[in-house]
Amino acid sequence: MSRLDAGGRRKAALIHLLFILRSLERIGDLAVNVGEEVVFIESVPDIRHEDPYEG
């Protein structure tokens, strides 16, 4: 009976680990998105306040 209980605990621990890994992957994906947004904002010229009649 104790072997059966130990196997169930191991499966539960592995399921918890799977959820933790999934959450860490999501955090990593969001961090990449933030980094890409920062690079985009810093590399694109700002044209919001240019005078359309100048030039």
PDB file of N, CA and C in Angstrom:
ATOM      1  N   MET A   1       0.810  -1.193   0.000  1.00  0.00           N
ATOM      2  CA  MET A   1       0.000   0.000   0.000  1.00  0.00           C
ATOM      3  C   MET A   1       0.860   1.266   0.000  1.00  0.00           C
ATOM      4  N   SER A   2       1.979   1.242   0.707  1.00  0.00           N
ATOM      5  CA  SER A   2       2.831   2.428   0.760  1.00  0.00           C
ATOM      6  C   SER A   2       3.488   2.696  -0.590  1.00  0.00           C
ATOM      7  N   ARG A   3       3.760   1.652  -1.366  1.00  0.00           N
ATOM      8  CA  ARG A   3       4.335   1.861  -2.706  1.00  0.00           C
ATOM      9  C   ARG A   3       3.331   2.571  -3.603  1.00  0.00           C
ATOM     10  N   LEU A   4       2.082   2.195  -3.478  1.00  0.00           N
ATOM     11  CA  LEU A   4       1.038   2.824  -4.273  1.00  0.00           C
ATOM     12  C   LEU A   4       0.898   4.299  -3.906  1.00  0.00           C
ATOM     13  N   ASP A   5       0.939   4.593  -2.630  1.00  0.00           N
ATOM     14  CA  ASP A   5       0.831   5.967  -2.155  1.00  0.00           C
ATOM     15  C   ASP A   5       2.031   6.799  -2.606  1.00  0.00           C
ATOM     16  N   ALA A   6       3.221   6.220  -2.552  1.00  0.00           N
ATOM     17  CA  ALA A   6       4.431   6.936  -2.981  1.00  0.00           C
ATOM     18  C   ALA A   6       4.369   7.235  -4.474  1.00  0.00           C
ATOM     19  N   GLY A   7       3.843   6.307  -5.263  1.00  0.00           N
ATOM     20  CA  GLY A   7       3.709   6.548  -6.699  1.00  0.00           C
ATOM     21  C   GLY A   7       2.733   7.665  -6.997  1.00  0.00           C
ATOM     22  N   GLY A   8       1.658   7.735  -6.241  1.00  0.00           N
ATOM     23  CA  GLY A   8       0.682   8.813  -6.415  1.00  0.00           C
ATOM     24  C   GLY A   8       1.258  10.163  -6.057  1.00  0.00           C
ATOM     25  N   ARG A   9       2.048  10.205  -5.005  1.00  0.00           N
ATOM     26  CA  ARG A   9       2.701  11.466  -4.617  1.00  0.00           C
ATOM     27  C   ARG A   9       3.684  11.907  -5.691  1.00  0.00           C
ATOM     28  N   ARG A  10       4.394  10.939  -6.254  1.00  0.00           N
ATOM     29  CA  ARG A  10       5.360  11.279  -7.305  1.00  0.00           C
ATOM     30  C   ARG A  10       4.640  11.849  -8.526  1.00  0.00           C
ATOM     31  N   LYS A  11       3.526  11.240  -8.889  1.00  0.00           N
ATOM     32  CA  LYS A  11       2.765  11.752 -10.035  1.00  0.00           C
ATOM     33  C   LYS A  11       2.237  13.153  -9.755  1.00  0.00           C
ATOM     34  N   ALA A  12       1.761  13.373  -8.550  1.00  0.00           N
ATOM     35  CA  ALA A  12       1.263  14.706  -8.194  1.00  0.00           C
ATOM     36  C   ALA A  12       2.386  15.735  -8.241  1.00  0.00           C
ATOM     37  N   ALA A  13       3.564  15.357  -7.757  1.00  0.00           N
ATOM     38  CA  ALA A  13       4.707  16.276  -7.792  1.00  0.00           C
ATOM     39  C   ALA A  13       5.108  16.581  -9.230  1.00  0.00           C
ATOM     40  N   LEU A  14       5.052  15.575 -10.101  1.00  0.00           N
ATOM     41  CA  LEU A  14       5.397  15.801 -11.506  1.00  0.00           C
ATOM     42  C   LEU A  14       4.373  16.701 -12.188  1.00  0.00           C
ATOM     43  N   ILE A  15       3.119  16.555 -11.829  1.00  0.00           N
ATOM     44  CA  ILE A  15       2.091  17.433 -12.397  1.00  0.00           C
ATOM     45  C   ILE A  15       2.320  18.873 -11.950  1.00  0.00           C
ATOM     46  N   HIS A  16       2.641  19.073 -10.682  1.00  0.00           N
ATOM     47  CA  HIS A  16       2.948  20.424 -10.191  1.00  0.00           C
ATOM     48  C   HIS A  16       4.164  20.997 -10.914  1.00  0.00           C
ATOM     49  N   LEU A  17       5.169  20.171 -11.118  1.00  0.00           N
ATOM     50  CA  LEU A  17       6.364  20.614 -11.834  1.00  0.00           C
ATOM     51  C   LEU A  17       6.022  21.012 -13.264  1.00  0.00           C
ATOM     52  N   LEU A  18       5.134  20.263 -13.894  1.00  0.00           N
ATOM     53  CA  LEU A  18       4.712  20.585 -15.255  1.00  0.00           C
ATOM     54  C   LEU A  18       4.034  21.955 -15.309  1.00  0.00           C
ATOM     55  N   PHE A  19       3.177  22.237 -14.351  1.00  0.00           N
ATOM     56  CA  PHE A  19       2.519  23.547 -14.311  1.00  0.00           C
ATOM     57  C   PHE A  19       3.520  24.670 -14.056  1.00  0.00           C
ATOM     58  N   ILE A  20       4.495  24.423 -13.207  1.00  0.00           N
ATOM     59  CA  ILE A  20       5.531  25.426 -12.941  1.00  0.00           C
ATOM     60  C   ILE A  20       6.334  25.699 -14.205  1.00  0.00           C
ATOM     61  N   LEU A  21       6.707  24.643 -14.918  1.00  0.00           N
ATOM     62  CA  LEU A  21       7.479  24.819 -16.150  1.00  0.00           C
ATOM     63  C   LEU A  21       6.676  25.568 -17.203  1.00  0.00           C
ATOM     64  N   ARG A  22       5.387  25.275 -17.286  1.00  0.00           N
ATOM     65  CA  ARG A  22       4.538  25.976 -18.251  1.00  0.00           C
ATOM     66  C   ARG A  22       4.470  27.465 -17.916  1.00  0.00           C
ATOM     67  N   SER A  23       4.369  27.774 -16.633  1.00  0.00           N
ATOM     68  CA  SER A  23       4.327  29.175 -16.214  1.00  0.00           C
ATOM     69  C   SER A  23       5.649  29.882 -16.501  1.00  0.00           C
ATOM     70  N   LEU A  24       6.758  29.200 -16.260  1.00  0.00           N
ATOM     71  CA  LEU A  24       8.068  29.797 -16.547  1.00  0.00           C
ATOM     72  C   LEU A  24       8.245  30.036 -18.043  1.00  0.00           C
ATOM     73  N   GLU A  25       7.736  29.136 -18.861  1.00  0.00           N
ATOM     74  CA  GLU A  25       7.822  29.338 -20.307  1.00  0.00           C
ATOM     75  C   GLU A  25       7.014  30.568 -20.720  1.00  0.00           C
ATOM     76  N   ARG A  26       5.853  30.734 -20.127  1.00  0.00           N
ATOM     77  CA  ARG A  26       5.010  31.898 -20.426  1.00  0.00           C
ATOM     78  C   ARG A  26       5.701  33.190 -20.002  1.00  0.00           C
ATOM     79  N   ILE A  27       6.337  33.185 -18.837  1.00  0.00           N
ATOM     80  CA  ILE A  27       7.082  34.360 -18.376  1.00  0.00           C
ATOM     81  C   ILE A  27       8.199  34.690 -19.358  1.00  0.00           C
ATOM     82  N   GLY A  28       8.899  33.668 -19.837  1.00  0.00           N
ATOM     83  CA  GLY A  28       9.965  33.883 -20.812  1.00  0.00           C
ATOM     84  C   GLY A  28       9.437  34.466 -22.107  1.00  0.00           C
ATOM     85  N   ASP A  29       8.295  33.962 -22.577  1.00  0.00           N
ATOM     86  CA  ASP A  29       7.693  34.494 -23.801  1.00  0.00           C
ATOM     87  C   ASP A  29       7.307  35.960 -23.638  1.00  0.00           C
ATOM     88  N   LEU A  30       6.754  36.302 -22.489  1.00  0.00           N
ATOM     89  CA  LEU A  30       6.379  37.696 -22.244  1.00  0.00           C
ATOM     90  C   LEU A  30       7.602  38.597 -22.158  1.00  0.00           C
ATOM     91  N   ALA A  31       8.679  38.101 -21.569  1.00  0.00           N
ATOM     92  CA  ALA A  31       9.913  38.887 -21.491  1.00  0.00           C
ATOM     93  C   ALA A  31      10.478  39.147 -22.884  1.00  0.00           C
ATOM     94  N   VAL A  32      10.398  38.152 -23.754  1.00  0.00           N
ATOM     95  CA  VAL A  32      10.851  38.334 -25.141  1.00  0.00           C
ATOM     96  C   VAL A  32       9.993  39.384 -25.835  1.00  0.00           C
ATOM     97  N   ASN A  33       8.689  39.345 -25.619  1.00  0.00           N
ATOM     98  CA  ASN A  33       7.800  40.334 -26.229  1.00  0.00           C
ATOM     99  C   ASN A  33       8.139  41.747 -25.767  1.00  0.00           C
ATOM    100  N   VAL A  34       8.416  41.917 -24.487  1.00  0.00           N
ATOM    101  CA  VAL A  34       8.789  43.233 -23.964  1.00  0.00           C
ATOM    102  C   VAL A  34      10.097  43.691 -24.601  1.00  0.00           C
ATOM    103  N   GLY A  35      11.068  42.802 -24.696  1.00  0.00           N
ATOM    104  CA  GLY A  35      12.347  43.150 -25.313  1.00  0.00           C
ATOM    105  C   GLY A  35      12.192  43.547 -26.767  1.00  0.00           C
ATOM    106  N   GLU A  36      11.378  42.821 -27.511  1.00  0.00           N
ATOM    107  CA  GLU A  36      11.150  43.160 -28.917  1.00  0.00           C
ATOM    108  C   GLU A  36      10.464  44.512 -29.044  1.00  0.00           C
ATOM    109  N   GLU A  37       9.538  44.806 -28.153  1.00  0.00           N
ATOM    110  CA  GLU A  37       8.851  46.094 -28.179  1.00  0.00           C
ATOM    111  C   GLU A  37       9.824  47.238 -27.884  1.00  0.00           C
ATOM    112  N   VAL A  38      10.714  47.048 -26.941  1.00  0.00           N
ATOM    113  CA  VAL A  38      11.707  48.075 -26.609  1.00  0.00           C
ATOM    114  C   VAL A  38      12.623  48.327 -27.800  1.00  0.00           C
ATOM    115  N   VAL A  39      13.089  47.272 -28.437  1.00  0.00           N
ATOM    116  CA  VAL A  39      13.958  47.432 -29.611  1.00  0.00           C
ATOM    117  C   VAL A  39      13.214  48.167 -30.710  1.00  0.00           C
ATOM    118  N   PHE A  40      11.955  47.820 -30.928  1.00  0.00           N
ATOM    119  CA  PHE A  40      11.168  48.490 -31.963  1.00  0.00           C
ATOM    120  C   PHE A  40      11.004  49.972 -31.652  1.00  0.00           C
ATOM    121  N   ILE A  41      10.644  50.288 -30.413  1.00  0.00           N
ATOM    122  CA  ILE A  41      10.419  51.687 -30.039  1.00  0.00           C
ATOM    123  C   ILE A  41      11.702  52.505 -30.175  1.00  0.00           C
ATOM    124  N   GLU A  42      12.829  51.929 -29.820  1.00  0.00           N
ATOM    125  CA  GLU A  42      14.095  52.657 -29.870  1.00  0.00           C
ATOM    126  C   GLU A  42      14.659  52.769 -31.284  1.00  0.00           C
ATOM    127  N   SER A  43      14.244  51.917 -32.206  1.00  0.00           N
ATOM    128  CA  SER A  43      14.856  51.925 -33.535  1.00  0.00           C
ATOM    129  C   SER A  43      14.010  52.632 -34.595  1.00  0.00           C
ATOM    130  N   VAL A  44      12.765  52.943 -34.294  1.00  0.00           N
ATOM    131  CA  VAL A  44      11.881  53.581 -35.267  1.00  0.00           C
ATOM    132  C   VAL A  44      11.865  55.085 -35.011  1.00  0.00           C
ATOM    133  N   PRO A  45      12.012  55.890 -36.068  1.00  0.00           N
ATOM    134  CA  PRO A  45      11.968  57.344 -35.861  1.00  0.00           C
ATOM    135  C   PRO A  45      10.565  57.791 -35.438  1.00  0.00           C
ATOM    136  N   ASP A  46      10.517  58.794 -34.588  1.00  0.00           N
ATOM    137  CA  ASP A  46       9.247  59.332 -34.101  1.00  0.00           C
ATOM    138  C   ASP A  46       8.742  60.361 -35.096  1.00  0.00           C
ATOM    139  N   ILE A  47       7.591  60.111 -35.724  1.00  0.00           N
ATOM    140  CA  ILE A  47       7.050  61.027 -36.732  1.00  0.00           C
ATOM    141  C   ILE A  47       5.758  61.696 -36.255  1.00  0.00           C
ATOM    142  N   ARG A  48       5.440  61.560 -34.984  1.00  0.00           N
ATOM    143  CA  ARG A  48       4.165  62.087 -34.487  1.00  0.00           C
ATOM    144  C   ARG A  48       4.096  63.608 -34.504  1.00  0.00           C
ATOM    145  N   HIS A  49       5.215  64.288 -34.298  1.00  0.00           N
ATOM    146  CA  HIS A  49       5.173  65.741 -34.157  1.00  0.00           C
ATOM    147  C   HIS A  49       5.883  66.460 -35.298  1.00  0.00           C
ATOM    148  N   GLU A  50       6.035  65.806 -36.421  1.00  0.00           N
ATOM    149  CA  GLU A  50       6.664  66.473 -37.560  1.00  0.00           C
ATOM    150  C   GLU A  50       5.642  67.377 -38.248  1.00  0.00           C
ATOM    151  N   ASP A  51       6.135  68.490 -38.773  1.00  0.00           N
ATOM    152  CA  ASP A  51       5.286  69.412 -39.517  1.00  0.00           C
ATOM    153  C   ASP A  51       5.116  68.870 -40.933  1.00  0.00           C
ATOM    154  N   PRO A  52       3.895  68.578 -41.364  1.00  0.00           N
ATOM    155  CA  PRO A  52       3.715  68.000 -42.702  1.00  0.00           C
ATOM    156  C   PRO A  52       4.054  68.972 -43.828  1.00  0.00           C
ATOM    157  N   TYR A  53       4.089  70.276 -43.543  1.00  0.00           N
ATOM    158  CA  TYR A  53       4.370  71.270 -44.574  1.00  0.00           C
ATOM    159  C   TYR A  53       5.831  71.674 -44.621  1.00  0.00           C
ATOM    160  N   GLU A  54       6.624  71.154 -43.684  1.00  0.00           N
ATOM    161  CA  GLU A  54       8.043  71.506 -43.640  1.00  0.00           C
ATOM    162  C   GLU A  54       8.825  70.526 -44.503  1.00  0.00           C
ATOM    163  N   GLY A  55       9.750  71.016 -45.259  1.00  0.00           N
ATOM    164  CA  GLY A  55      10.641  70.143 -45.997  1.00  0.00           C
ATOM    165  C   GLY A  55      10.392  70.188 -47.406  1.00  0.00           C
TER     166      GLY A  55
END
